[in-house]
Amino acid sequence: MLYLDRGDAEASLSDKALKENLFKALDKIGVTPEKGKVLIIPPDFTRFHSKAGLLTSFAYEYYGEAVTDILPALGTHYPMTEDEIKRMFPGVPLSLFREHKWKSDLVTLGRVPESFIEEQTGGQLSFDWPAQVNSLLVTGGFDLILSIGQVVPHEVIGMANHNKNIFVGTGGKEGINKSHYIGAVYGMERMMGRADTPVRRILNYAESSFGKELPIVYVQTVIGRKESGDLAVRGLFIGDDTECFEKAAALSLKVNFQMLETPLEKVVVYLDPEEFKSTWLGNKSIYRTRMAIADGGELVVLAPGVKEFGEDREIDRLIRKYGYRGTEETLKAVEENRELQENLGAAAHLIHGSSEGRFTITYCPGSLSQAEIEGAGYSYAPLEDMVKRYNPETLKEGFNTLEGGEKIFFISNPALGLWAHKDRFTQ
């Protein structure tokens, strides 16, 4: 059922409007603060700009003590710090927050059969897929599970959120690894910006077959930019089925996707140091721009907060060992190395983080050394020098012509959009 459908490509929903519309939808759901037990599943700090934190605070205000648990959908990310929780979820008690442990504390609701995976990947992969969730969802006895987040183009599944927030955000090692690998092998450029993809169909299969007993309602935002560069909430969609996701995804494609007439020769991306501390996250700079960059072009990544490759120690080790070498070399490494076979998520990330030799990737990290960056397969440039040359405080979004005539395309936050030129994207 669709409880709320608000917004369009020109909308700018205020915080007050978000609260009013959320409360209207919660009134319709029927779980009352006086009689009910509520779990909220928001994103973590890496989705700070989603407005999910504020919506979580509003939901807590509505339900009060009926909210007994808040489980940030960490996936494989680091647990949130107290400071991050306080910033993202104002007014919500720290005592309500639980840490998702993606290698333990799981329940497998069922397994999507191998035959379905083969069908969705055109026979490229043959294994089944576990529908794993944090055990709290099953054992907590909840009357309502509110899954809150942002729909935006995504490299693994096409469009982020909806049941991805459940099966990946609160999922387990096997499910996360396999879903990422399915998307990588199928082809990132065939996925991004599309609501209907093989990975999405697999998650939909899992939800309809094994997740019907979970009382999940999805609260989803679509965030865009005004001409001034400021962020705006373009849409809010709330429902317990796929309709709210499909509506949000359609709006996100209008709001978050920029189609370019010609390929870009040079792209400069800035990674906010509070949001991007690893290439695991920072490589959104690659995922979201690869369809826009010309063959032989260059991507410059200004990454003052990047201090590591993977947030998980083992994934960090694997990235350092195998590097971002492209699909062919990575698939060969998977075939020959058990440690990658047992960590397909890392293998998928290695594929995602490569330009496949089409363009140069120059990383300018705050902490990683030149040897570390070049060892992982990227070019290196000193951050201090490149920030002087490409100052993120003075550059405007999109096309810039610098002193001396150099032309670049600047992106201040790659997590908020998807860029492509018309020859590389087809609906």
Protein backbone atom coordinates (compact mmCIF):
# COMPACT_ATOMS: atom_id res chain seq x y z
CA MET A 1 0.00 0.00 0.00
CA LEU A 2 1.19 3.50 -0.83
CA TYR A 3 0.68 5.71 2.23
CA LEU A 4 2.29 8.87 0.86
CA ASP A 5 3.36 10.21 -2.55
CA ARG A 6 4.73 13.75 -2.37
CA GLY A 7 7.00 15.74 -4.62
CA ASP A 8 8.27 16.36 -8.13
CA ALA A 9 11.42 17.57 -9.86
CA GLU A 10 10.81 21.19 -8.79
CA ALA A 11 9.62 20.56 -5.23
CA SER A 12 11.53 21.67 -2.16
CA LEU A 13 9.99 20.09 0.93
CA SER A 14 10.84 21.92 4.14
CA ASP A 15 11.64 20.14 7.39
CA LYS A 16 8.18 21.16 8.60
CA ALA A 17 6.58 19.62 5.51
CA LEU A 18 8.58 16.43 5.99
CA LYS A 19 7.34 16.12 9.56
CA GLU A 20 3.71 16.85 8.67
CA ASN A 21 3.67 14.38 5.79
CA LEU A 22 5.44 11.67 7.78
CA PHE A 23 2.92 12.03 10.61
CA LYS A 24 0.01 11.79 8.13
CA ALA A 25 1.42 8.55 6.77
CA LEU A 26 2.07 7.13 10.23
CA ASP A 27 -1.53 7.91 11.18
CA LYS A 28 -2.65 5.72 8.26
CA ILE A 29 -0.42 2.79 9.21
CA GLY A 30 -2.36 2.30 12.42
CA VAL A 31 0.38 1.34 14.88
CA THR A 32 -0.17 3.74 17.77
CA PRO A 33 2.34 5.06 20.30
CA GLU A 34 0.17 3.63 23.08
CA LYS A 35 0.01 0.12 21.66
CA GLY A 36 2.89 -1.03 19.53
CA LYS A 37 6.59 -1.80 19.37
CA VAL A 38 8.64 -0.07 16.69
CA LEU A 39 12.07 -0.68 15.15
CA ILE A 40 13.61 2.02 12.96
CA ILE A 41 16.26 1.15 10.35
CA PRO A 42 17.91 4.34 9.03
CA PRO A 43 21.15 4.61 7.03
CA ASP A 44 24.47 5.43 8.69
CA PHE A 45 26.48 8.64 8.58
CA THR A 46 27.62 7.98 5.01
CA ARG A 47 24.05 8.96 4.02
CA PHE A 48 23.97 12.06 6.20
CA HIS A 49 22.46 14.23 3.43
CA SER A 50 19.51 11.88 2.91
CA LYS A 51 17.35 13.59 5.59
CA ALA A 52 16.85 10.08 7.01
CA GLY A 53 18.34 11.23 10.31
CA LEU A 54 15.78 13.98 10.69
CA LEU A 55 12.94 11.67 9.66
CA THR A 56 14.13 9.18 12.29
CA SER A 57 13.97 11.96 14.89
CA PHE A 58 10.44 12.81 13.75
CA ALA A 59 9.39 9.15 13.93
CA TYR A 60 10.79 8.94 17.46
CA GLU A 61 8.84 12.10 18.37
CA TYR A 62 5.66 10.46 17.00
CA TYR A 63 6.04 7.06 18.65
CA GLY A 64 7.99 7.95 21.78
CA GLU A 65 8.67 4.96 24.03
CA ALA A 66 7.13 2.63 21.46
CA VAL A 67 10.46 2.97 19.60
CA THR A 68 12.56 0.40 21.44
CA ASP A 69 15.40 -0.05 18.95
CA ILE A 70 17.17 1.82 16.16
CA LEU A 71 19.42 -0.26 13.92
CA PRO A 72 21.49 1.77 11.43
CA ALA A 73 21.82 -0.17 8.16
CA LEU A 74 25.60 -0.39 8.24
CA GLY A 75 26.12 -3.20 5.76
CA THR A 76 29.90 -3.57 5.91
CA HIS A 77 30.54 -0.01 7.16
CA TYR A 78 32.05 1.04 10.46
CA PRO A 79 29.66 1.41 13.42
CA MET A 80 28.50 4.95 14.00
CA THR A 81 30.27 7.01 16.65
CA GLU A 82 28.39 8.82 19.41
CA ASP A 83 29.20 12.16 17.76
CA GLU A 84 27.84 10.95 14.41
CA ILE A 85 24.64 9.69 16.07
CA LYS A 86 24.10 12.98 17.88
CA ARG A 87 24.62 14.99 14.67
CA MET A 88 22.48 12.82 12.43
CA PHE A 89 19.63 11.96 14.85
CA PRO A 90 18.95 15.05 17.00
CA GLY A 91 16.92 14.39 20.11
CA VAL A 92 17.05 10.59 19.91
CA PRO A 93 18.53 8.80 22.96
CA LEU A 94 21.84 7.05 22.36
CA SER A 95 20.53 4.09 24.36
CA LEU A 96 18.19 3.11 21.50
CA PHE A 97 20.93 2.50 18.94
CA ARG A 98 22.08 -1.02 18.09
CA GLU A 99 25.14 -2.06 16.08
CA HIS A 100 24.59 -4.31 13.08
CA LYS A 101 27.22 -7.05 12.97
CA TRP A 102 27.34 -8.27 9.38
CA LYS A 103 29.42 -11.37 10.15
CA SER A 104 27.25 -12.63 13.01
CA ASP A 105 23.87 -12.14 14.68
CA LEU A 106 21.97 -13.06 11.53
CA VAL A 107 18.89 -14.97 10.49
CA THR A 108 18.55 -16.55 7.04
CA LEU A 109 14.90 -16.24 6.03
CA GLY A 110 15.32 -18.43 2.95
CA ARG A 111 17.46 -18.87 -0.15
CA VAL A 112 16.72 -17.60 -3.64
CA PRO A 113 17.29 -20.65 -5.87
CA GLU A 114 20.29 -21.04 -8.15
CA SER A 115 18.01 -21.31 -11.17
CA PHE A 116 16.68 -17.79 -10.55
CA ILE A 117 20.19 -16.35 -10.22
CA GLU A 118 21.20 -18.03 -13.48
CA GLU A 119 18.13 -16.60 -15.19
CA GLN A 120 18.78 -13.07 -13.95
CA THR A 121 22.48 -13.08 -14.89
CA GLY A 122 22.03 -14.70 -18.29
CA GLY A 123 23.83 -17.81 -17.08
CA GLN A 124 26.93 -15.91 -15.96
CA LEU A 125 26.64 -17.06 -12.32
CA SER A 126 25.39 -20.25 -10.73
CA PHE A 127 24.79 -20.13 -6.99
CA ASP A 128 21.85 -19.54 -4.69
CA TRP A 129 21.44 -16.37 -2.63
CA PRO A 130 20.65 -16.14 1.09
CA ALA A 131 18.02 -13.68 2.28
CA GLN A 132 19.83 -12.67 5.47
CA VAL A 133 18.75 -10.03 7.99
CA ASN A 134 19.82 -8.97 11.44
CA SER A 135 18.20 -11.30 13.95
CA LEU A 136 16.58 -8.36 15.75
CA LEU A 137 14.10 -8.01 12.87
CA VAL A 138 12.84 -11.54 13.46
CA THR A 139 13.13 -11.99 17.21
CA GLY A 140 12.22 -8.48 18.34
CA GLY A 141 8.45 -8.93 18.19
CA PHE A 142 7.90 -5.63 16.37
CA ASP A 143 4.54 -4.32 15.26
CA LEU A 144 6.24 -1.97 12.81
CA ILE A 145 9.66 -1.79 11.18
CA LEU A 146 10.32 1.62 9.61
CA SER A 147 13.03 1.45 6.93
CA ILE A 148 14.14 5.02 6.22
CA GLY A 149 16.51 6.18 3.47
CA GLN A 150 17.22 7.87 0.15
CA VAL A 151 16.59 6.58 -3.35
CA VAL A 152 19.53 7.55 -5.57
CA PRO A 153 21.47 5.90 -8.42
CA HIS A 154 23.63 3.07 -7.12
CA GLU A 155 26.45 0.99 -8.59
CA VAL A 156 25.45 -2.42 -7.16
CA ILE A 157 21.69 -2.46 -7.61
CA GLY A 158 20.84 0.40 -9.98
CA MET A 159 18.85 2.50 -7.51
CA ALA A 160 19.61 2.47 -3.79
CA ASN A 161 17.21 1.80 -0.92
CA HIS A 162 13.88 0.02 -0.44
CA ASN A 163 14.57 -3.67 0.36
CA LYS A 164 18.31 -3.15 -0.19
CA ASN A 165 18.23 -1.30 3.14
CA ILE A 166 17.05 -4.57 4.70
CA PHE A 167 18.85 -7.39 2.87
CA VAL A 168 22.15 -5.54 2.39
CA GLY A 169 22.04 -2.84 5.07
CA THR A 170 21.18 -5.38 7.78
CA GLY A 171 22.36 -8.40 5.79
CA GLY A 172 25.18 -10.87 6.26
CA LYS A 173 28.53 -11.61 4.72
CA GLU A 174 27.35 -14.18 2.17
CA GLY A 175 24.35 -12.17 0.98
CA ILE A 176 26.25 -8.88 0.73
CA ASN A 177 29.21 -10.49 -1.05
CA LYS A 178 27.09 -12.33 -3.57
CA SER A 179 24.77 -9.41 -4.34
CA HIS A 180 27.71 -7.11 -5.00
CA TYR A 181 29.37 -9.71 -7.20
CA ILE A 182 26.19 -10.32 -9.19
CA GLY A 183 25.97 -6.60 -9.96
CA ALA A 184 29.65 -6.33 -10.87
CA VAL A 185 29.68 -9.34 -13.19
CA TYR A 186 26.41 -8.32 -14.85
CA GLY A 187 27.92 -4.89 -15.53
CA MET A 188 27.76 -1.68 -13.56
CA GLU A 189 27.01 0.43 -16.61
CA ARG A 190 24.01 -1.78 -17.37
CA MET A 191 22.70 -1.21 -13.84
CA MET A 192 23.19 2.36 -12.64
CA GLY A 193 20.14 4.59 -12.74
CA ARG A 194 17.75 1.70 -13.40
CA ALA A 195 15.06 0.57 -10.97
CA ASP A 196 14.60 -2.86 -12.59
CA THR A 197 17.88 -4.82 -12.46
CA PRO A 198 18.92 -8.41 -11.76
CA VAL A 199 19.98 -7.60 -8.19
CA ARG A 200 16.72 -5.75 -7.51
CA ARG A 201 14.69 -8.68 -8.86
CA ILE A 202 16.59 -11.05 -6.57
CA LEU A 203 15.84 -8.88 -3.54
CA ASN A 204 12.19 -8.56 -4.59
CA TYR A 205 12.02 -12.36 -4.89
CA ALA A 206 13.46 -12.68 -1.39
CA GLU A 207 11.04 -10.17 0.11
CA SER A 208 7.93 -11.60 -1.53
CA SER A 209 8.92 -15.21 -0.78
CA PHE A 210 10.47 -14.97 2.69
CA GLY A 211 9.85 -11.52 4.15
CA LYS A 212 6.06 -11.22 4.18
CA GLU A 213 5.86 -11.67 7.94
CA LEU A 214 8.12 -8.70 8.61
CA PRO A 215 5.95 -5.56 9.15
CA ILE A 216 8.16 -3.25 7.07
CA VAL A 217 7.12 0.19 5.86
CA TYR A 218 9.55 2.12 3.65
CA VAL A 219 10.12 5.87 4.11
CA GLN A 220 12.12 7.18 1.15
CA THR A 221 13.44 10.58 0.16
CA VAL A 222 14.70 11.92 -3.14
CA ILE A 223 17.31 14.68 -2.75
CA GLY A 224 18.31 17.10 -5.49
CA ARG A 225 20.19 20.38 -5.91
CA LYS A 226 18.84 23.87 -6.41
CA GLU A 227 20.47 26.21 -8.91
CA SER A 228 22.29 27.77 -5.96
CA GLY A 229 23.91 24.41 -5.25
CA ASP A 230 22.01 23.91 -2.00
CA LEU A 231 20.29 20.58 -1.42
CA ALA A 232 16.53 20.23 -1.64
CA VAL A 233 14.15 17.41 -0.75
CA ARG A 234 12.34 16.79 -4.02
CA GLY A 235 10.18 13.89 -2.87
CA LEU A 236 8.94 11.78 0.04
CA PHE A 237 7.40 8.36 -0.63
CA ILE A 238 6.06 6.01 2.04
CA GLY A 239 4.62 2.54 1.53
CA ASP A 240 4.89 -1.17 2.29
CA ASP A 241 5.31 -2.48 -1.26
CA THR A 242 7.32 -1.74 -4.41
CA GLU A 243 5.09 1.11 -5.63
CA CYS A 244 6.66 3.71 -3.33
CA PHE A 245 10.13 2.65 -4.51
CA GLU A 246 9.17 2.77 -8.17
CA LYS A 247 7.77 6.29 -7.79
CA ALA A 248 10.85 7.45 -5.88
CA ALA A 249 13.18 5.88 -8.45
CA ALA A 250 11.37 7.58 -11.33
CA LEU A 251 11.77 10.95 -9.61
CA SER A 252 15.40 10.25 -8.71
CA LEU A 253 16.23 9.59 -12.35
CA LYS A 254 14.85 13.04 -13.21
CA VAL A 255 16.55 14.78 -10.28
CA ASN A 256 19.86 12.95 -9.75
CA PHE A 257 20.83 12.08 -13.31
CA GLN A 258 22.63 14.50 -15.62
CA MET A 259 22.82 13.55 -19.28
CA LEU A 260 25.67 15.24 -21.12
CA GLU A 261 25.84 15.90 -24.85
CA THR A 262 29.55 15.06 -25.12
CA PRO A 263 32.01 12.99 -23.06
CA LEU A 264 34.02 14.82 -20.40
CA GLU A 265 37.76 15.07 -20.87
CA LYS A 266 38.57 16.01 -17.28
CA VAL A 267 36.45 15.55 -14.16
CA VAL A 268 37.41 16.75 -10.68
CA VAL A 269 35.51 15.23 -7.74
CA TYR A 270 35.72 16.40 -4.13
CA LEU A 271 35.12 13.94 -1.29
CA ASP A 272 33.90 15.47 1.96
CA PRO A 273 36.36 14.25 4.64
CA GLU A 274 33.56 13.63 7.15
CA GLU A 275 31.74 11.34 4.72
CA PHE A 276 34.52 9.63 2.76
CA LYS A 277 37.38 8.05 4.69
CA SER A 278 38.15 5.07 2.43
CA THR A 279 38.28 4.25 -1.26
CA TRP A 280 35.55 1.70 -0.45
CA LEU A 281 33.23 4.71 -0.12
CA GLY A 282 35.22 7.31 -2.05
CA ASN A 283 35.08 5.32 -5.27
CA LYS A 284 31.61 6.68 -5.79
CA SER A 285 33.69 9.30 -7.59
CA ILE A 286 34.42 6.60 -10.16
CA TYR A 287 31.10 4.74 -10.20
CA ARG A 288 28.96 7.81 -10.72
CA THR A 289 31.12 9.47 -13.40
CA ARG A 290 32.46 6.59 -15.48
CA MET A 291 29.67 6.83 -18.04
CA ALA A 292 30.46 10.52 -18.55
CA ILE A 293 34.24 10.39 -18.97
CA ALA A 294 35.77 10.22 -22.43
CA ASP A 295 38.13 7.47 -23.50
CA GLY A 296 41.58 8.79 -22.68
CA GLY A 297 40.15 11.31 -20.21
CA GLU A 298 41.09 11.88 -16.58
CA LEU A 299 39.31 11.71 -13.24
CA VAL A 300 40.95 13.64 -10.39
CA VAL A 301 39.73 12.67 -6.91
CA LEU A 302 40.38 15.20 -4.14
CA ALA A 303 40.13 13.00 -1.05
CA PRO A 304 41.33 14.77 2.12
CA GLY A 305 39.68 12.26 4.47
CA VAL A 306 40.74 9.05 2.72
CA LYS A 307 43.11 7.12 4.97
CA GLU A 308 42.48 3.48 3.95
CA PHE A 309 41.10 1.31 1.17
CA GLY A 310 38.57 -0.93 2.91
CA GLU A 311 36.71 -0.24 6.14
CA ASP A 312 36.96 -3.93 6.98
CA ARG A 313 40.53 -5.05 7.74
CA GLU A 314 40.37 -8.12 5.49
CA ILE A 315 38.83 -6.17 2.61
CA ASP A 316 41.53 -3.52 2.99
CA ARG A 317 44.18 -6.24 2.73
CA LEU A 318 42.60 -7.73 -0.40
CA ILE A 319 42.36 -4.35 -2.13
CA ARG A 320 46.01 -3.68 -1.42
CA LYS A 321 46.99 -7.13 -2.67
CA TYR A 322 44.98 -7.34 -5.89
CA GLY A 323 44.34 -3.69 -6.77
CA TYR A 324 41.82 -2.06 -9.07
CA ARG A 325 42.85 -3.82 -12.29
CA GLY A 326 39.57 -4.19 -14.18
CA THR A 327 37.02 -6.93 -14.81
CA GLU A 328 39.11 -9.40 -16.78
CA GLU A 329 42.03 -9.46 -14.36
CA THR A 330 39.75 -9.53 -11.30
CA LEU A 331 37.65 -12.44 -12.58
CA LYS A 332 40.86 -14.34 -13.27
CA ALA A 333 42.05 -13.61 -9.73
CA VAL A 334 38.74 -14.86 -8.33
CA GLU A 335 39.07 -18.08 -10.31
CA GLU A 336 42.60 -18.66 -9.03
CA ASN A 337 42.39 -17.47 -5.41
CA ARG A 338 40.24 -18.94 -2.68
CA GLU A 339 40.49 -15.80 -0.52
CA LEU A 340 38.64 -13.81 -3.20
CA GLN A 341 36.14 -16.62 -3.77
CA GLU A 342 35.31 -16.29 -0.08
CA ASN A 343 35.01 -12.50 -0.30
CA LEU A 344 33.13 -11.77 -3.51
CA GLY A 345 32.13 -8.34 -2.22
CA ALA A 346 35.76 -7.27 -2.27
CA ALA A 347 36.16 -8.72 -5.77
CA ALA A 348 33.10 -6.77 -6.92
CA HIS A 349 34.54 -3.60 -5.45
CA LEU A 350 37.79 -4.11 -7.36
CA ILE A 351 35.79 -4.26 -10.58
CA HIS A 352 33.69 -1.23 -9.66
CA GLY A 353 36.77 0.82 -8.80
CA SER A 354 38.49 0.42 -12.16
CA SER A 355 38.13 2.50 -15.29
CA GLU A 356 38.71 -0.69 -17.32
CA GLY A 357 41.67 1.15 -18.84
CA ARG A 358 39.43 3.73 -20.53
CA PHE A 359 40.56 6.77 -18.55
CA THR A 360 43.14 7.74 -15.92
CA ILE A 361 42.19 7.91 -12.23
CA THR A 362 44.36 10.27 -10.18
CA TYR A 363 43.77 9.92 -6.43
CA CYS A 364 44.86 12.72 -4.08
CA PRO A 365 44.35 11.29 -0.57
CA GLY A 366 44.82 12.98 2.76
CA SER A 367 46.78 10.12 4.32
CA LEU A 368 47.59 7.25 1.95
CA SER A 369 51.06 7.39 0.41
CA GLN A 370 52.03 7.53 -3.24
CA ALA A 371 53.29 3.94 -3.04
CA GLU A 372 49.99 2.74 -1.58
CA ILE A 373 47.87 4.53 -4.20
CA GLU A 374 50.01 3.41 -7.12
CA GLY A 375 50.16 -0.11 -5.69
CA ALA A 376 46.37 -0.26 -5.88
CA GLY A 377 46.41 0.67 -9.56
CA TYR A 378 45.76 4.42 -9.50
CA SER A 379 47.86 7.45 -10.38
CA TYR A 380 48.85 9.70 -7.49
CA ALA A 381 49.15 13.45 -7.00
CA PRO A 382 49.78 15.39 -3.76
CA LEU A 383 46.55 16.67 -2.27
CA GLU A 384 47.98 20.06 -1.30
CA ASP A 385 49.16 20.77 -4.84
CA MET A 386 45.92 19.64 -6.48
CA VAL A 387 43.69 21.60 -4.09
CA LYS A 388 45.62 24.74 -5.00
CA ARG A 389 45.03 23.95 -8.64
CA TYR A 390 41.42 22.84 -8.23
CA ASN A 391 40.06 24.66 -5.20
CA PRO A 392 36.74 23.05 -4.18
CA GLU A 393 35.75 26.22 -2.33
CA THR A 394 35.80 28.33 -5.48
CA LEU A 395 34.81 25.87 -8.20
CA LYS A 396 31.17 25.74 -9.23
CA GLU A 397 29.18 22.59 -9.90
CA GLY A 398 29.61 21.44 -13.49
CA PHE A 399 31.73 23.14 -16.14
CA ASN A 400 34.57 25.46 -15.13
CA THR A 401 37.22 27.23 -17.21
CA LEU A 402 40.36 27.90 -15.15
CA GLU A 403 43.10 30.46 -15.52
CA GLY A 404 45.21 29.37 -18.45
CA GLY A 405 42.17 28.00 -20.25
CA GLU A 406 41.95 24.51 -18.73
CA LYS A 407 38.39 23.19 -18.80
CA ILE A 408 37.11 20.81 -16.14
CA PHE A 409 33.83 19.41 -14.86
CA PHE A 410 33.53 19.70 -11.06
CA ILE A 411 31.41 17.56 -8.73
CA SER A 412 31.31 18.44 -5.03
CA ASN A 413 29.61 15.23 -3.85
CA PRO A 414 29.40 12.17 -6.12
CA ALA A 415 26.96 10.40 -3.79
CA LEU A 416 24.17 12.76 -4.85
CA GLY A 417 23.99 11.97 -8.55
CA LEU A 418 24.86 10.08 -11.70
CA TRP A 419 26.49 11.55 -14.80
CA ALA A 420 26.67 10.08 -18.31
CA HIS A 421 26.87 11.11 -21.94
CA LYS A 422 24.10 9.99 -24.23
CA ASP A 423 26.05 7.31 -26.08
CA ARG A 424 26.74 5.37 -22.87
CA PHE A 425 23.29 5.32 -21.29
CA THR A 426 20.16 3.74 -22.70
CA GLN A 427 16.93 3.20 -20.86
